[in-house]
Amino acid sequence: ALINGHAFAGGLMTAITYNYRVMNLYKGFLCLNKLEFGAGLRPVITSLFRIKLSMSTFRNMVLESKRYPALEALKEGILDGVGGIDEALAFVEEMKLVQKAQGTSYGKIKEELYREIVKDLDEGAELAKVEARRDLEKSRRDLDARTRVDEWEALTGTQRAKL
């Protein structure tokens, strides 16, 4: 992943899914700022960061919403290099990533390397379905309750208090 500037929240989550990350040295921060806007962590995101980063770096990201400039992110192992498109392409060439990715075992190795993430992705998809069903059922109950109140008001000629 080539990170050209800020990568906050979803941008950082997207970048961290890549095998390697290179960031512009002169602008931007990496930050998982979910704490700042009251969002929690989903299991798949947690396992993704736990596997890809050291625990202390991940802890600082989530509990402090720490902003990492490129050089500090490189030092912490969040990045694999710094620079722009030329440096990213040189990194790909130097590491022979295109050739390696075409090997028959590359995908299998990655699947085993990231087994916990794959498992959490599978479970997360099922959890999302369960949550969607629960939310739909709650909406139906709320609508049913509103309908009963409206019917009662119409029957009795009484309106609920407007507070």
Protein backbone atom coordinates (compact mmCIF):
# COMPACT_ATOMS: atom_id res chain seq x y z
CA ALA A 1 0.00 0.00 0.00
CA LEU A 2 1.28 3.45 -0.84
CA ILE A 3 0.06 5.94 1.76
CA ASN A 4 0.31 9.43 0.32
CA GLY A 5 -0.93 11.38 3.34
CA HIS A 6 -3.14 10.91 6.39
CA ALA A 7 -4.48 7.42 7.01
CA PHE A 8 -6.94 7.63 9.89
CA ALA A 9 -9.47 5.00 11.02
CA GLY A 10 -10.77 3.27 7.88
CA GLY A 11 -7.84 4.49 5.79
CA LEU A 12 -5.38 2.92 8.21
CA MET A 13 -7.47 -0.24 8.46
CA THR A 14 -7.39 -0.55 4.68
CA ALA A 15 -3.63 0.08 4.53
CA ILE A 16 -2.90 -2.44 7.29
CA THR A 17 -4.57 -5.20 5.26
CA TYR A 18 -1.76 -4.96 2.71
CA ASN A 19 1.33 -7.11 3.14
CA TYR A 20 3.64 -4.09 2.94
CA ARG A 21 3.16 -0.36 3.47
CA VAL A 22 5.17 2.62 2.19
CA MET A 23 4.26 6.16 3.28
CA ASN A 24 5.07 9.67 2.15
CA LEU A 25 7.82 10.90 4.43
CA TYR A 26 6.75 14.53 4.40
CA LYS A 27 3.04 14.60 5.06
CA GLY A 28 0.43 12.76 6.99
CA PHE A 29 -0.07 10.68 10.08
CA LEU A 30 -1.28 7.16 10.74
CA CYS A 31 -3.93 7.02 13.45
CA LEU A 32 -6.59 4.58 14.64
CA ASN A 33 -8.73 7.27 16.25
CA LYS A 34 -11.85 5.25 17.08
CA LEU A 35 -11.58 6.41 20.69
CA GLU A 36 -12.05 10.02 19.61
CA PHE A 37 -15.44 9.36 18.03
CA GLY A 38 -16.69 6.67 20.38
CA ALA A 39 -16.42 3.65 18.10
CA GLY A 40 -15.47 0.22 19.35
CA LEU A 41 -13.25 -2.40 17.77
CA ARG A 42 -14.65 -5.38 15.92
CA PRO A 43 -12.95 -8.74 16.40
CA VAL A 44 -11.62 -8.88 12.83
CA ILE A 45 -10.03 -5.43 13.12
CA THR A 46 -8.55 -6.34 16.48
CA SER A 47 -6.99 -9.55 15.17
CA LEU A 48 -5.74 -7.78 12.05
CA PHE A 49 -3.83 -5.18 14.06
CA ARG A 50 -2.68 -7.69 16.69
CA ILE A 51 -1.10 -9.91 14.07
CA LYS A 52 0.42 -7.10 12.01
CA LEU A 53 1.74 -4.88 14.84
CA SER A 54 3.42 -5.21 18.20
CA MET A 55 1.03 -5.19 21.13
CA SER A 56 2.47 -1.96 22.55
CA THR A 57 2.05 -0.15 19.22
CA PHE A 58 -1.51 -1.44 18.87
CA ARG A 59 -2.27 -0.47 22.48
CA ASN A 60 -0.98 3.07 21.88
CA MET A 61 -3.05 3.32 18.72
CA VAL A 62 -6.34 2.32 20.31
CA LEU A 63 -6.05 3.57 23.89
CA GLU A 64 -4.31 6.85 23.09
CA SER A 65 -5.39 7.48 19.48
CA LYS A 66 -1.69 8.11 18.93
CA ARG A 67 -0.75 9.76 15.64
CA TYR A 68 2.32 8.30 13.99
CA PRO A 69 4.32 10.34 11.48
CA ALA A 70 6.07 8.28 8.81
CA LEU A 71 9.47 7.86 10.47
CA GLU A 72 7.99 6.86 13.82
CA ALA A 73 5.58 4.48 12.06
CA LEU A 74 8.55 2.94 10.27
CA LYS A 75 10.39 2.52 13.57
CA GLU A 76 7.30 0.91 15.16
CA GLY A 77 6.92 -1.56 12.29
CA ILE A 78 3.66 -0.10 10.99
CA LEU A 79 5.42 0.78 7.74
CA ASP A 80 7.96 -1.11 5.68
CA GLY A 81 9.35 1.93 3.92
CA VAL A 82 8.99 5.65 3.35
CA GLY A 83 8.71 7.62 0.15
CA GLY A 84 6.45 8.07 -2.83
CA ILE A 85 5.53 6.01 -5.86
CA ASP A 86 9.15 5.60 -7.00
CA GLU A 87 10.21 4.24 -3.62
CA ALA A 88 7.17 1.97 -3.44
CA LEU A 89 7.91 0.53 -6.90
CA ALA A 90 11.59 0.11 -5.99
CA PHE A 91 10.50 -1.75 -2.83
CA VAL A 92 8.29 -4.07 -4.89
CA GLU A 93 11.16 -4.69 -7.30
CA GLU A 94 13.78 -5.17 -4.60
CA MET A 95 11.59 -7.63 -2.69
CA LYS A 96 10.56 -9.39 -5.95
CA LEU A 97 6.95 -9.22 -4.78
CA VAL A 98 5.38 -9.66 -8.21
CA GLN A 99 7.31 -12.85 -8.84
CA LYS A 100 6.67 -14.22 -5.36
CA ALA A 101 2.95 -13.55 -5.59
CA GLN A 102 2.73 -15.65 -8.76
CA GLY A 103 4.07 -18.74 -7.01
CA THR A 104 1.61 -21.53 -6.33
CA SER A 105 2.20 -21.52 -2.57
CA TYR A 106 2.06 -17.76 -1.93
CA GLY A 107 -1.69 -17.64 -1.30
CA LYS A 108 -1.60 -20.76 0.85
CA ILE A 109 1.24 -19.35 2.93
CA LYS A 110 -0.64 -16.08 3.43
CA GLU A 111 -3.80 -17.95 4.38
CA GLU A 112 -1.90 -19.82 7.10
CA LEU A 113 0.04 -16.73 8.17
CA TYR A 114 -3.21 -14.83 8.65
CA ARG A 115 -5.37 -17.79 9.75
CA GLU A 116 -6.84 -15.93 12.75
CA ILE A 117 -7.87 -13.00 10.59
CA VAL A 118 -9.54 -15.29 8.05
CA LYS A 119 -11.41 -17.02 10.89
CA ASP A 120 -12.52 -13.69 12.36
CA LEU A 121 -13.63 -12.48 8.91
CA ASP A 122 -15.78 -15.58 8.49
CA GLU A 123 -17.23 -15.23 11.99
CA GLY A 124 -17.67 -11.48 11.52
CA ALA A 125 -19.80 -12.01 8.44
CA GLU A 126 -22.08 -14.31 10.41
CA LEU A 127 -22.17 -11.88 13.36
CA ALA A 128 -23.18 -9.06 11.00
CA LYS A 129 -26.13 -11.15 9.80
CA VAL A 130 -27.20 -11.87 13.38
CA GLU A 131 -26.94 -8.18 14.30
CA ALA A 132 -28.90 -7.18 11.19
CA ARG A 133 -31.68 -9.63 12.11
CA ARG A 134 -31.70 -8.31 15.69
CA ASP A 135 -31.88 -4.69 14.48
CA LEU A 136 -34.69 -5.55 12.06
CA GLU A 137 -36.64 -7.27 14.83
CA LYS A 138 -36.16 -4.26 17.13
CA SER A 139 -37.41 -1.93 14.38
CA ARG A 140 -40.48 -4.15 13.92
CA ARG A 141 -41.19 -4.10 17.67
CA ASP A 142 -40.78 -0.30 17.78
CA LEU A 143 -43.10 0.11 14.81
CA ASP A 144 -45.64 -2.27 16.37
CA ALA A 145 -45.52 -0.32 19.65
CA ARG A 146 -45.97 3.00 17.79
CA THR A 147 -48.93 1.51 15.88
CA ARG A 148 -50.60 0.34 19.12
CA VAL A 149 -50.14 3.80 20.70
CA ASP A 150 -51.60 5.47 17.60
CA GLU A 151 -54.57 3.08 17.68
CA TRP A 152 -55.14 3.73 21.38
CA GLU A 153 -54.98 7.49 20.82
CA ALA A 154 -57.48 7.23 17.96
CA LEU A 155 -59.82 5.03 20.03
CA THR A 156 -59.76 7.15 23.19
CA GLY A 157 -59.33 10.54 21.58
CA THR A 158 -56.38 11.11 23.87
CA GLN A 159 -52.99 12.30 22.73
CA ARG A 160 -49.77 11.46 24.43
CA ALA A 161 -48.01 14.26 26.23
CA LYS A 162 -45.76 16.41 24.08
CA LEU A 163 -42.64 16.74 26.17
